[in-house]
């Protein structure tokens, strides 16, 4: 909260400097809260998505969920240009649910659930949805608006423009309450049904949670790529796949990583800022490749039957 162009230091706050306190309440504190809430929610959404898809290499930004939410924002912008942000968020959430459902429907019909095939299908689906969105954004001269939604950036977060992120905190809490059900659902439909649980209802709840988190974060601060992919994997390496045990650690680690990236974004080209989404893309891609190569080496070392 003390990193930025304007001098807001602890001595200035303690001395009662009115300008420092104004910047602190209007910009620094809301931005820090937005960073923590967005990082926490996206990481947990990635963990839930991986359990639903039964694959460690998927996350909302790799299965078409974020692209579908962006398409919903574009539709809302074209059809209802004067609509409030909350209304656009609702439309984006509906599109995100539809995109997530389409992805899960496709992978459930695949002849093989290969580790790499599932994320490949998700990337292709996201590419198709993103291409359609880009085409119509170009036709309606909204490409710059679309790019604003797709790049994660906290530089515009001030008081009055981040409060929707408190909704994702509540949604994430719901995901934690239903953690045991998601863990069981990750074992498959037959296993879940044999335990007396409604597999479809659990999947619908998971889709709703992932879609709401994706839509709210995208409409508020933009996309945060790879966050929901690498953080759950890193946590599961040390603490296993039990969602109730790993969800709090995933939330804290996700918030911490986004906070570090936000500090880097403010200091790399000081006094200018680099979008957080750009830094997340570089770090996330590097971690993703490391995890992918590790998984391939692990599979190669297994004895063949």
C-alpha atoms as a PDB file:
ATOM      1  CA  UNK A   1       0.000   0.000   0.000  1.00  0.00           C
ATOM      2  CA  UNK A   2       3.042   2.258   0.194  1.00  0.00           C
ATOM      3  CA  UNK A   3       4.305   1.496  -3.336  1.00  0.00           C
ATOM      4  CA  UNK A   4       3.344   3.983  -6.035  1.00  0.00           C
ATOM      5  CA  UNK A   5       4.045   7.304  -7.674  1.00  0.00           C
ATOM      6  CA  UNK A   6       2.354   9.420  -5.016  1.00  0.00           C
ATOM      7  CA  UNK A   7       4.228   9.553  -1.737  1.00  0.00           C
ATOM      8  CA  UNK A   8       2.066   7.655   0.732  1.00  0.00           C
ATOM      9  CA  UNK A   9       4.331   6.521   3.541  1.00  0.00           C
ATOM     10  CA  UNK A  10       3.684   5.350   7.069  1.00  0.00           C
ATOM     11  CA  UNK A  11       5.235   8.499   8.623  1.00  0.00           C
ATOM     12  CA  UNK A  12       3.004  10.669   6.423  1.00  0.00           C
ATOM     13  CA  UNK A  13      -0.086   8.757   7.567  1.00  0.00           C
ATOM     14  CA  UNK A  14       0.947   8.875  11.212  1.00  0.00           C
ATOM     15  CA  UNK A  15       1.518  12.617  10.964  1.00  0.00           C
ATOM     16  CA  UNK A  16      -2.050  13.059   9.686  1.00  0.00           C
ATOM     17  CA  UNK A  17      -1.167  14.292   6.184  1.00  0.00           C
ATOM     18  CA  UNK A  18      -4.622  14.800   4.570  1.00  0.00           C
ATOM     19  CA  UNK A  19      -3.341  14.243   1.001  1.00  0.00           C
ATOM     20  CA  UNK A  20      -1.681  10.962   1.980  1.00  0.00           C
ATOM     21  CA  UNK A  21      -4.817   9.743   3.775  1.00  0.00           C
ATOM     22  CA  UNK A  22      -6.971  10.661   0.776  1.00  0.00           C
ATOM     23  CA  UNK A  23      -4.810   8.632  -1.623  1.00  0.00           C
ATOM     24  CA  UNK A  24      -4.687   5.795   0.908  1.00  0.00           C
ATOM     25  CA  UNK A  25      -8.490   5.495   1.228  1.00  0.00           C
ATOM     26  CA  UNK A  26      -9.366   6.209  -2.402  1.00  0.00           C
ATOM     27  CA  UNK A  27      -6.660   4.211  -4.202  1.00  0.00           C
ATOM     28  CA  UNK A  28      -4.146   2.192  -2.192  1.00  0.00           C
ATOM     29  CA  UNK A  29      -6.474   0.317   0.158  1.00  0.00           C
ATOM     30  CA  UNK A  30      -9.111  -0.511  -2.536  1.00  0.00           C
ATOM     31  CA  UNK A  31      -6.370  -1.674  -4.908  1.00  0.00           C
ATOM     32  CA  UNK A  32      -4.820  -3.959  -2.312  1.00  0.00           C
ATOM     33  CA  UNK A  33      -8.231  -5.399  -1.435  1.00  0.00           C
ATOM     34  CA  UNK A  34      -8.978  -5.976  -5.130  1.00  0.00           C
ATOM     35  CA  UNK A  35      -5.648  -7.754  -5.632  1.00  0.00           C
ATOM     36  CA  UNK A  36      -6.238 -10.076  -2.686  1.00  0.00           C
ATOM     37  CA  UNK A  37      -9.877 -10.838  -3.536  1.00  0.00           C
ATOM     38  CA  UNK A  38      -9.214 -11.464  -7.238  1.00  0.00           C
ATOM     39  CA  UNK A  39      -6.161 -13.661  -6.624  1.00  0.00           C
ATOM     40  CA  UNK A  40      -7.923 -15.671  -3.947  1.00  0.00           C
ATOM     41  CA  UNK A  41     -11.070 -16.265  -6.002  1.00  0.00           C
ATOM     42  CA  UNK A  42      -9.414 -17.124  -9.329  1.00  0.00           C
ATOM     43  CA  UNK A  43      -7.069 -19.635  -7.666  1.00  0.00           C
ATOM     44  CA  UNK A  44      -9.950 -21.406  -5.911  1.00  0.00           C
ATOM     45  CA  UNK A  45     -12.017 -21.349  -9.125  1.00  0.00           C
ATOM     46  CA  UNK A  46      -9.135 -23.097 -10.887  1.00  0.00           C
ATOM     47  CA  UNK A  47      -9.017 -25.734  -8.154  1.00  0.00           C
ATOM     48  CA  UNK A  48     -12.749 -26.419  -8.500  1.00  0.00           C
ATOM     49  CA  UNK A  49     -12.463 -26.534 -12.296  1.00  0.00           C
ATOM     50  CA  UNK A  50      -9.678 -29.108 -12.112  1.00  0.00           C
ATOM     51  CA  UNK A  51     -11.793 -31.347  -9.892  1.00  0.00           C
ATOM     52  CA  UNK A  52     -14.813 -30.989 -12.169  1.00  0.00           C
ATOM     53  CA  UNK A  53     -12.798 -31.809 -15.302  1.00  0.00           C
ATOM     54  CA  UNK A  54     -10.685 -34.414 -13.461  1.00  0.00           C
ATOM     55  CA  UNK A  55      -7.593 -32.923 -15.044  1.00  0.00           C
ATOM     56  CA  UNK A  56      -4.755 -30.936 -13.476  1.00  0.00           C
ATOM     57  CA  UNK A  57      -4.021 -28.918 -16.589  1.00  0.00           C
ATOM     58  CA  UNK A  58      -7.216 -26.899 -16.953  1.00  0.00           C
ATOM     59  CA  UNK A  59      -8.426 -23.607 -15.526  1.00  0.00           C
ATOM     60  CA  UNK A  60     -11.173 -21.081 -16.428  1.00  0.00           C
ATOM     61  CA  UNK A  61      -8.939 -19.167 -18.856  1.00  0.00           C
ATOM     62  CA  UNK A  62      -8.035 -22.399 -20.697  1.00  0.00           C
ATOM     63  CA  UNK A  63     -11.480 -23.960 -21.146  1.00  0.00           C
ATOM     64  CA  UNK A  64     -13.455 -21.105 -22.663  1.00  0.00           C
ATOM     65  CA  UNK A  65     -14.975 -19.759 -19.435  1.00  0.00           C
ATOM     66  CA  UNK A  66     -13.145 -16.418 -19.498  1.00  0.00           C
ATOM     67  CA  UNK A  67     -13.632 -16.096 -23.261  1.00  0.00           C
ATOM     68  CA  UNK A  68     -17.359 -16.772 -22.827  1.00  0.00           C
ATOM     69  CA  UNK A  69     -17.572 -14.140 -20.096  1.00  0.00           C
ATOM     70  CA  UNK A  70     -15.844 -11.673 -22.424  1.00  0.00           C
ATOM     71  CA  UNK A  71     -18.351 -12.520 -25.146  1.00  0.00           C
ATOM     72  CA  UNK A  72     -21.140 -11.825 -22.663  1.00  0.00           C
ATOM     73  CA  UNK A  73     -19.638  -8.426 -21.866  1.00  0.00           C
ATOM     74  CA  UNK A  74     -19.433  -7.636 -25.577  1.00  0.00           C
ATOM     75  CA  UNK A  75     -23.067  -8.670 -26.119  1.00  0.00           C
ATOM     76  CA  UNK A  76     -24.145  -6.546 -23.168  1.00  0.00           C
ATOM     77  CA  UNK A  77     -22.127  -3.583 -24.473  1.00  0.00           C
ATOM     78  CA  UNK A  78     -23.710  -3.840 -27.929  1.00  0.00           C
ATOM     79  CA  UNK A  79     -27.273  -4.706 -26.919  1.00  0.00           C
ATOM     80  CA  UNK A  80     -27.492  -2.686 -23.699  1.00  0.00           C
ATOM     81  CA  UNK A  81     -24.885   0.103 -23.914  1.00  0.00           C
ATOM     82  CA  UNK A  82     -26.375   2.069 -21.014  1.00  0.00           C
ATOM     83  CA  UNK A  83     -26.722  -0.936 -18.704  1.00  0.00           C
ATOM     84  CA  UNK A  84     -25.158  -0.813 -15.263  1.00  0.00           C
ATOM     85  CA  UNK A  85     -21.987  -2.774 -14.524  1.00  0.00           C
ATOM     86  CA  UNK A  86     -23.960  -5.211 -12.366  1.00  0.00           C
ATOM     87  CA  UNK A  87     -26.265  -6.019 -15.316  1.00  0.00           C
ATOM     88  CA  UNK A  88     -23.272  -6.604 -17.606  1.00  0.00           C
ATOM     89  CA  UNK A  89     -21.765  -8.846 -14.967  1.00  0.00           C
ATOM     90  CA  UNK A  90     -24.984 -10.894 -14.881  1.00  0.00           C
ATOM     91  CA  UNK A  91     -24.979 -11.359 -18.657  1.00  0.00           C
ATOM     92  CA  UNK A  92     -21.281 -12.270 -18.569  1.00  0.00           C
ATOM     93  CA  UNK A  93     -22.006 -14.850 -15.860  1.00  0.00           C
ATOM     94  CA  UNK A  94     -24.701 -16.511 -17.982  1.00  0.00           C
ATOM     95  CA  UNK A  95     -22.322 -16.736 -20.933  1.00  0.00           C
ATOM     96  CA  UNK A  96     -19.569 -18.087 -18.668  1.00  0.00           C
ATOM     97  CA  UNK A  97     -21.884 -20.826 -17.349  1.00  0.00           C
ATOM     98  CA  UNK A  98     -22.812 -21.760 -20.928  1.00  0.00           C
ATOM     99  CA  UNK A  99     -19.153 -21.892 -21.989  1.00  0.00           C
ATOM    100  CA  UNK A 100     -18.177 -24.044 -18.994  1.00  0.00           C
ATOM    101  CA  UNK A 101     -21.098 -26.417 -19.622  1.00  0.00           C
ATOM    102  CA  UNK A 102     -20.102 -26.733 -23.292  1.00  0.00           C
ATOM    103  CA  UNK A 103     -16.526 -27.612 -22.357  1.00  0.00           C
ATOM    104  CA  UNK A 104     -17.566 -30.250 -19.813  1.00  0.00           C
ATOM    105  CA  UNK A 105     -20.044 -31.720 -22.303  1.00  0.00           C
ATOM    106  CA  UNK A 106     -17.327 -32.028 -24.946  1.00  0.00           C
ATOM    107  CA  UNK A 107     -14.711 -33.655 -22.700  1.00  0.00           C
ATOM    108  CA  UNK A 108     -17.265 -36.123 -21.304  1.00  0.00           C
ATOM    109  CA  UNK A 109     -17.744 -37.408 -24.856  1.00  0.00           C
ATOM    110  CA  UNK A 110     -14.063 -37.762 -25.650  1.00  0.00           C
ATOM    111  CA  UNK A 111     -12.934 -41.341 -26.292  1.00  0.00           C
ATOM    112  CA  UNK A 112      -9.858 -40.699 -24.147  1.00  0.00           C
ATOM    113  CA  UNK A 113      -9.223 -38.473 -21.098  1.00  0.00           C
ATOM    114  CA  UNK A 114      -5.536 -38.027 -21.898  1.00  0.00           C
ATOM    115  CA  UNK A 115      -3.752 -35.495 -19.666  1.00  0.00           C
ATOM    116  CA  UNK A 116      -2.896 -33.234 -22.590  1.00  0.00           C
ATOM    117  CA  UNK A 117      -6.002 -33.815 -24.724  1.00  0.00           C
ATOM    118  CA  UNK A 118      -8.424 -32.175 -22.278  1.00  0.00           C
ATOM    119  CA  UNK A 119      -6.581 -28.818 -21.989  1.00  0.00           C
ATOM    120  CA  UNK A 120      -5.965 -28.897 -25.758  1.00  0.00           C
ATOM    121  CA  UNK A 121      -9.706 -29.156 -26.354  1.00  0.00           C
ATOM    122  CA  UNK A 122     -10.261 -26.313 -23.879  1.00  0.00           C
ATOM    123  CA  UNK A 123      -7.721 -24.088 -25.617  1.00  0.00           C
ATOM    124  CA  UNK A 124      -9.319 -24.786 -29.006  1.00  0.00           C
ATOM    125  CA  UNK A 125     -12.796 -24.063 -27.641  1.00  0.00           C
ATOM    126  CA  UNK A 126     -11.572 -20.823 -26.065  1.00  0.00           C
ATOM    127  CA  UNK A 127      -9.897 -19.900 -29.352  1.00  0.00           C
ATOM    128  CA  UNK A 128     -13.126 -20.396 -31.294  1.00  0.00           C
ATOM    129  CA  UNK A 129     -15.154 -18.346 -28.813  1.00  0.00           C
ATOM    130  CA  UNK A 130     -12.463 -15.659 -28.698  1.00  0.00           C
ATOM    131  CA  UNK A 131     -12.340 -15.461 -32.503  1.00  0.00           C
ATOM    132  CA  UNK A 132     -16.086 -14.972 -32.745  1.00  0.00           C
ATOM    133  CA  UNK A 133     -15.947 -12.290 -30.059  1.00  0.00           C
ATOM    134  CA  UNK A 134     -13.056 -10.510 -31.785  1.00  0.00           C
ATOM    135  CA  UNK A 135     -14.882 -10.570 -35.130  1.00  0.00           C
ATOM    136  CA  UNK A 136     -17.975  -8.860 -33.760  1.00  0.00           C
ATOM    137  CA  UNK A 137     -15.862  -6.458 -31.685  1.00  0.00           C
ATOM    138  CA  UNK A 138     -14.118  -5.461 -34.915  1.00  0.00           C
ATOM    139  CA  UNK A 139     -17.423  -5.043 -36.752  1.00  0.00           C
ATOM    140  CA  UNK A 140     -18.773  -2.767 -34.012  1.00  0.00           C
ATOM    141  CA  UNK A 141     -15.464  -0.920 -33.474  1.00  0.00           C
ATOM    142  CA  UNK A 142     -15.062  -2.229 -29.929  1.00  0.00           C
ATOM    143  CA  UNK A 143     -11.662  -3.902 -30.163  1.00  0.00           C
ATOM    144  CA  UNK A 144     -10.052  -1.485 -27.707  1.00  0.00           C
ATOM    145  CA  UNK A 145     -12.863  -2.065 -25.238  1.00  0.00           C
ATOM    146  CA  UNK A 146     -12.445  -5.815 -25.650  1.00  0.00           C
ATOM    147  CA  UNK A 147      -8.696  -5.623 -25.027  1.00  0.00           C
ATOM    148  CA  UNK A 148      -9.357  -3.643 -21.862  1.00  0.00           C
ATOM    149  CA  UNK A 149     -11.460  -6.464 -20.486  1.00  0.00           C
ATOM    150  CA  UNK A 150      -8.957  -9.166 -21.450  1.00  0.00           C
ATOM    151  CA  UNK A 151      -5.817  -7.673 -19.862  1.00  0.00           C
ATOM    152  CA  UNK A 152      -5.634  -7.911 -16.092  1.00  0.00           C
ATOM    153  CA  UNK A 153      -4.819  -4.474 -14.744  1.00  0.00           C
ATOM    154  CA  UNK A 154      -5.324  -2.956 -11.288  1.00  0.00           C
ATOM    155  CA  UNK A 155      -4.174   0.563 -12.155  1.00  0.00           C
ATOM    156  CA  UNK A 156      -7.760   1.761 -12.569  1.00  0.00           C
ATOM    157  CA  UNK A 157      -9.026   0.306  -9.289  1.00  0.00           C
ATOM    158  CA  UNK A 158     -10.279   3.017  -6.943  1.00  0.00           C
ATOM    159  CA  UNK A 159     -12.967   3.259  -4.308  1.00  0.00           C
ATOM    160  CA  UNK A 160     -16.353   2.652  -5.937  1.00  0.00           C
ATOM    161  CA  UNK A 161     -14.948   0.499  -8.766  1.00  0.00           C
ATOM    162  CA  UNK A 162     -13.940  -2.712  -7.028  1.00  0.00           C
ATOM    163  CA  UNK A 163     -16.755  -3.472  -4.577  1.00  0.00           C
ATOM    164  CA  UNK A 164     -18.231  -6.185  -6.815  1.00  0.00           C
ATOM    165  CA  UNK A 165     -15.198  -8.299  -5.928  1.00  0.00           C
ATOM    166  CA  UNK A 166     -16.615  -8.784  -2.434  1.00  0.00           C
ATOM    167  CA  UNK A 167     -19.210 -10.993  -4.144  1.00  0.00           C
ATOM    168  CA  UNK A 168     -16.469 -13.408  -5.209  1.00  0.00           C
ATOM    169  CA  UNK A 169     -15.381 -13.644  -1.567  1.00  0.00           C
ATOM    170  CA  UNK A 170     -18.877 -14.891  -0.697  1.00  0.00           C
ATOM    171  CA  UNK A 171     -18.917 -17.247  -3.698  1.00  0.00           C
ATOM    172  CA  UNK A 172     -15.496 -18.616  -2.729  1.00  0.00           C
ATOM    173  CA  UNK A 173     -16.806 -19.240   0.791  1.00  0.00           C
ATOM    174  CA  UNK A 174     -19.691 -21.238  -0.699  1.00  0.00           C
ATOM    175  CA  UNK A 175     -17.152 -23.283  -2.639  1.00  0.00           C
ATOM    176  CA  UNK A 176     -15.289 -24.001   0.598  1.00  0.00           C
ATOM    177  CA  UNK A 177     -18.509 -25.068   2.348  1.00  0.00           C
ATOM    178  CA  UNK A 178     -19.217 -27.516  -0.505  1.00  0.00           C
ATOM    179  CA  UNK A 179     -15.577 -28.638  -0.662  1.00  0.00           C
ATOM    180  CA  UNK A 180     -16.231 -32.244   0.343  1.00  0.00           C
ATOM    181  CA  UNK A 181     -18.851 -32.613  -2.387  1.00  0.00           C
ATOM    182  CA  UNK A 182     -16.481 -31.314  -5.055  1.00  0.00           C
ATOM    183  CA  UNK A 183     -13.795 -33.703  -3.849  1.00  0.00           C
ATOM    184  CA  UNK A 184     -16.196 -36.640  -4.183  1.00  0.00           C
ATOM    185  CA  UNK A 185     -17.441 -35.424  -7.580  1.00  0.00           C
ATOM    186  CA  UNK A 186     -13.858 -35.427  -8.774  1.00  0.00           C
ATOM    187  CA  UNK A 187     -13.920 -39.231  -8.390  1.00  0.00           C
ATOM    188  CA  UNK A 188     -16.506 -39.555 -11.159  1.00  0.00           C
ATOM    189  CA  UNK A 189     -20.271 -39.799 -11.604  1.00  0.00           C
ATOM    190  CA  UNK A 190     -20.603 -43.459 -10.607  1.00  0.00           C
ATOM    191  CA  UNK A 191     -18.585 -43.043  -7.415  1.00  0.00           C
ATOM    192  CA  UNK A 192     -20.575 -39.935  -6.428  1.00  0.00           C
ATOM    193  CA  UNK A 193     -23.924 -41.617  -7.095  1.00  0.00           C
ATOM    194  CA  UNK A 194     -22.926 -44.704  -5.084  1.00  0.00           C
ATOM    195  CA  UNK A 195     -22.331 -42.426  -2.094  1.00  0.00           C
ATOM    196  CA  UNK A 196     -25.878 -41.078  -2.402  1.00  0.00           C
ATOM    197  CA  UNK A 197     -24.974 -37.662  -3.813  1.00  0.00           C
ATOM    198  CA  UNK A 198     -26.484 -35.887  -6.792  1.00  0.00           C
ATOM    199  CA  UNK A 199     -23.583 -35.663  -9.249  1.00  0.00           C
ATOM    200  CA  UNK A 200     -25.354 -33.322 -11.674  1.00  0.00           C
ATOM    201  CA  UNK A 201     -26.362 -30.919  -8.896  1.00  0.00           C
ATOM    202  CA  UNK A 202     -22.773 -30.760  -7.631  1.00  0.00           C
ATOM    203  CA  UNK A 203     -21.500 -30.101 -11.142  1.00  0.00           C
ATOM    204  CA  UNK A 204     -24.078 -27.347 -11.649  1.00  0.00           C
ATOM    205  CA  UNK A 205     -23.000 -25.720  -8.390  1.00  0.00           C
ATOM    206  CA  UNK A 206     -19.361 -25.914  -9.435  1.00  0.00           C
ATOM    207  CA  UNK A 207     -20.094 -24.432 -12.855  1.00  0.00           C
ATOM    208  CA  UNK A 208     -22.013 -21.568 -11.254  1.00  0.00           C
ATOM    209  CA  UNK A 209     -19.191 -20.789  -8.808  1.00  0.00           C
ATOM    210  CA  UNK A 210     -16.507 -20.859 -11.516  1.00  0.00           C
ATOM    211  CA  UNK A 211     -18.628 -18.793 -13.906  1.00  0.00           C
ATOM    212  CA  UNK A 212     -19.501 -16.138 -11.317  1.00  0.00           C
ATOM    213  CA  UNK A 213     -15.900 -15.751 -10.209  1.00  0.00           C
ATOM    214  CA  UNK A 214     -14.652 -15.538 -13.799  1.00  0.00           C
ATOM    215  CA  UNK A 215     -17.308 -13.032 -14.859  1.00  0.00           C
ATOM    216  CA  UNK A 216     -16.900 -10.738 -11.845  1.00  0.00           C
ATOM    217  CA  UNK A 217     -13.093 -10.715 -11.992  1.00  0.00           C
ATOM    218  CA  UNK A 218     -13.064 -10.093 -15.756  1.00  0.00           C
ATOM    219  CA  UNK A 219     -15.604  -7.263 -15.532  1.00  0.00           C
ATOM    220  CA  UNK A 220     -13.731  -5.642 -12.635  1.00  0.00           C
ATOM    221  CA  UNK A 221      -9.996  -6.054 -13.268  1.00  0.00           C
ATOM    222  CA  UNK A 222      -9.647  -8.186 -16.423  1.00  0.00           C
ATOM    223  CA  UNK A 223      -8.293 -11.685 -16.977  1.00  0.00           C
ATOM    224  CA  UNK A 224      -5.516 -13.189 -14.821  1.00  0.00           C
ATOM    225  CA  UNK A 225      -4.044 -15.960 -16.994  1.00  0.00           C
ATOM    226  CA  UNK A 226      -2.518 -19.168 -15.607  1.00  0.00           C
ATOM    227  CA  UNK A 227      -3.316 -18.228 -12.003  1.00  0.00           C
ATOM    228  CA  UNK A 228      -6.034 -20.861 -11.601  1.00  0.00           C
ATOM    229  CA  UNK A 229      -3.768 -23.431 -13.247  1.00  0.00           C
ATOM    230  CA  UNK A 230      -0.427 -23.243 -11.472  1.00  0.00           C
ATOM    231  CA  UNK A 231      -1.484 -22.324  -7.917  1.00  0.00           C
ATOM    232  CA  UNK A 232      -3.771 -25.359  -7.311  1.00  0.00           C
ATOM    233  CA  UNK A 233      -1.075 -27.614  -8.769  1.00  0.00           C
ATOM    234  CA  UNK A 234       1.654 -26.210  -6.552  1.00  0.00           C
ATOM    235  CA  UNK A 235      -0.539 -26.560  -3.465  1.00  0.00           C
ATOM    236  CA  UNK A 236      -1.643 -30.105  -4.366  1.00  0.00           C
ATOM    237  CA  UNK A 237       1.989 -31.187  -4.736  1.00  0.00           C
ATOM    238  CA  UNK A 238       2.476 -30.608  -1.012  1.00  0.00           C
ATOM    239  CA  UNK A 239      -0.988 -30.997   0.516  1.00  0.00           C
ATOM    240  CA  UNK A 240      -2.903 -33.396  -1.744  1.00  0.00           C
ATOM    241  CA  UNK A 241      -6.213 -33.054  -3.586  1.00  0.00           C
ATOM    242  CA  UNK A 242      -8.619 -32.718  -0.663  1.00  0.00           C
ATOM    243  CA  UNK A 243     -10.413 -29.479  -1.461  1.00  0.00           C
ATOM    244  CA  UNK A 244     -11.346 -28.627   2.126  1.00  0.00           C
ATOM    245  CA  UNK A 245      -7.725 -28.831   3.233  1.00  0.00           C
ATOM    246  CA  UNK A 246      -6.134 -27.239   0.172  1.00  0.00           C
ATOM    247  CA  UNK A 247      -8.691 -24.491  -0.618  1.00  0.00           C
ATOM    248  CA  UNK A 248      -7.524 -22.027   2.111  1.00  0.00           C
ATOM    249  CA  UNK A 249      -3.878 -22.554   1.141  1.00  0.00           C
ATOM    250  CA  UNK A 250      -4.761 -22.137  -2.535  1.00  0.00           C
ATOM    251  CA  UNK A 251      -6.583 -18.881  -1.767  1.00  0.00           C
ATOM    252  CA  UNK A 252      -3.699 -17.457   0.269  1.00  0.00           C
ATOM    253  CA  UNK A 253      -1.062 -18.508  -2.279  1.00  0.00           C
ATOM    254  CA  UNK A 254      -3.100 -17.111  -5.191  1.00  0.00           C
ATOM    255  CA  UNK A 255      -3.595 -13.790  -3.432  1.00  0.00           C
ATOM    256  CA  UNK A 256       0.110 -13.650  -2.560  1.00  0.00           C
ATOM    257  CA  UNK A 257       1.224 -14.309  -6.144  1.00  0.00           C
ATOM    258  CA  UNK A 258      -1.044 -11.617  -7.585  1.00  0.00           C
ATOM    259  CA  UNK A 259       0.151  -9.208  -4.888  1.00  0.00           C
ATOM    260  CA  UNK A 260       3.783  -9.860  -5.836  1.00  0.00           C
ATOM    261  CA  UNK A 261       2.944  -9.369  -9.540  1.00  0.00           C
ATOM    262  CA  UNK A 262       1.115  -6.132  -8.709  1.00  0.00           C
ATOM    263  CA  UNK A 263       4.145  -4.777  -6.832  1.00  0.00           C
ATOM    264  CA  UNK A 264       6.371  -5.740  -9.763  1.00  0.00           C
ATOM    265  CA  UNK A 265       3.993  -4.017 -12.172  1.00  0.00           C
ATOM    266  CA  UNK A 266       4.423  -0.759 -10.243  1.00  0.00           C
ATOM    267  CA  UNK A 267       8.212  -0.944  -9.902  1.00  0.00           C
ATOM    268  CA  UNK A 268       9.579  -2.454 -13.157  1.00  0.00           C
ATOM    269  CA  UNK A 269       9.078   0.761 -15.167  1.00  0.00           C
ATOM    270  CA  UNK A 270       8.561   3.238 -12.350  1.00  0.00           C
ATOM    271  CA  UNK A 271       6.829   5.712 -12.473  1.00  0.00           C
ATOM    272  CA  UNK A 272       4.850   3.890 -15.193  1.00  0.00           C
ATOM    273  CA  UNK A 273       2.948   0.629 -14.730  1.00  0.00           C
ATOM    274  CA  UNK A 274       2.996  -2.686 -16.576  1.00  0.00           C
ATOM    275  CA  UNK A 275      -0.322  -4.607 -16.662  1.00  0.00           C
ATOM    276  CA  UNK A 276      -0.444  -7.337 -14.039  1.00  0.00           C
ATOM    277  CA  UNK A 277      -1.874  -9.715 -16.630  1.00  0.00           C
ATOM    278  CA  UNK A 278       1.334  -9.424 -18.669  1.00  0.00           C
ATOM    279  CA  UNK A 279       3.510 -10.388 -15.706  1.00  0.00           C
ATOM    280  CA  UNK A 280       1.116 -13.204 -14.794  1.00  0.00           C
ATOM    281  CA  UNK A 281       1.347 -14.523 -18.359  1.00  0.00           C
ATOM    282  CA  UNK A 282       5.153 -14.714 -18.228  1.00  0.00           C
ATOM    283  CA  UNK A 283       5.383 -16.274 -14.766  1.00  0.00           C
ATOM    284  CA  UNK A 284       2.370 -18.523 -15.307  1.00  0.00           C
ATOM    285  CA  UNK A 285       3.609 -19.837 -18.650  1.00  0.00           C
ATOM    286  CA  UNK A 286       7.017 -20.652 -17.176  1.00  0.00           C
ATOM    287  CA  UNK A 287       5.487 -22.479 -14.194  1.00  0.00           C
ATOM    288  CA  UNK A 288       3.026 -24.277 -16.479  1.00  0.00           C
ATOM    289  CA  UNK A 289       5.857 -25.618 -18.658  1.00  0.00           C
ATOM    290  CA  UNK A 290       7.763 -26.785 -15.585  1.00  0.00           C
ATOM    291  CA  UNK A 291       4.714 -28.610 -14.225  1.00  0.00           C
ATOM    292  CA  UNK A 292       3.939 -30.081 -17.644  1.00  0.00           C
ATOM    293  CA  UNK A 293       7.471 -31.433 -18.112  1.00  0.00           C
ATOM    294  CA  UNK A 294       7.423 -32.789 -14.573  1.00  0.00           C
ATOM    295  CA  UNK A 295       4.160 -34.615 -15.300  1.00  0.00           C
ATOM    296  CA  UNK A 296       5.545 -36.077 -18.530  1.00  0.00           C
ATOM    297  CA  UNK A 297       8.686 -37.332 -16.774  1.00  0.00           C
ATOM    298  CA  UNK A 298       6.544 -38.879 -14.056  1.00  0.00           C
ATOM    299  CA  UNK A 299       4.356 -40.702 -16.578  1.00  0.00           C
ATOM    300  CA  UNK A 300       7.401 -41.865 -18.556  1.00  0.00           C
ATOM    301  CA  UNK A 301       8.994 -43.352 -15.418  1.00  0.00           C
ATOM    302  CA  UNK A 302       5.955 -45.517 -14.630  1.00  0.00           C
ATOM    303  CA  UNK A 303       6.409 -49.216 -15.458  1.00  0.00           C
ATOM    304  CA  UNK A 304       4.474 -50.401 -18.505  1.00  0.00           C
ATOM    305  CA  UNK A 305       2.031 -53.270 -18.033  1.00  0.00           C
END
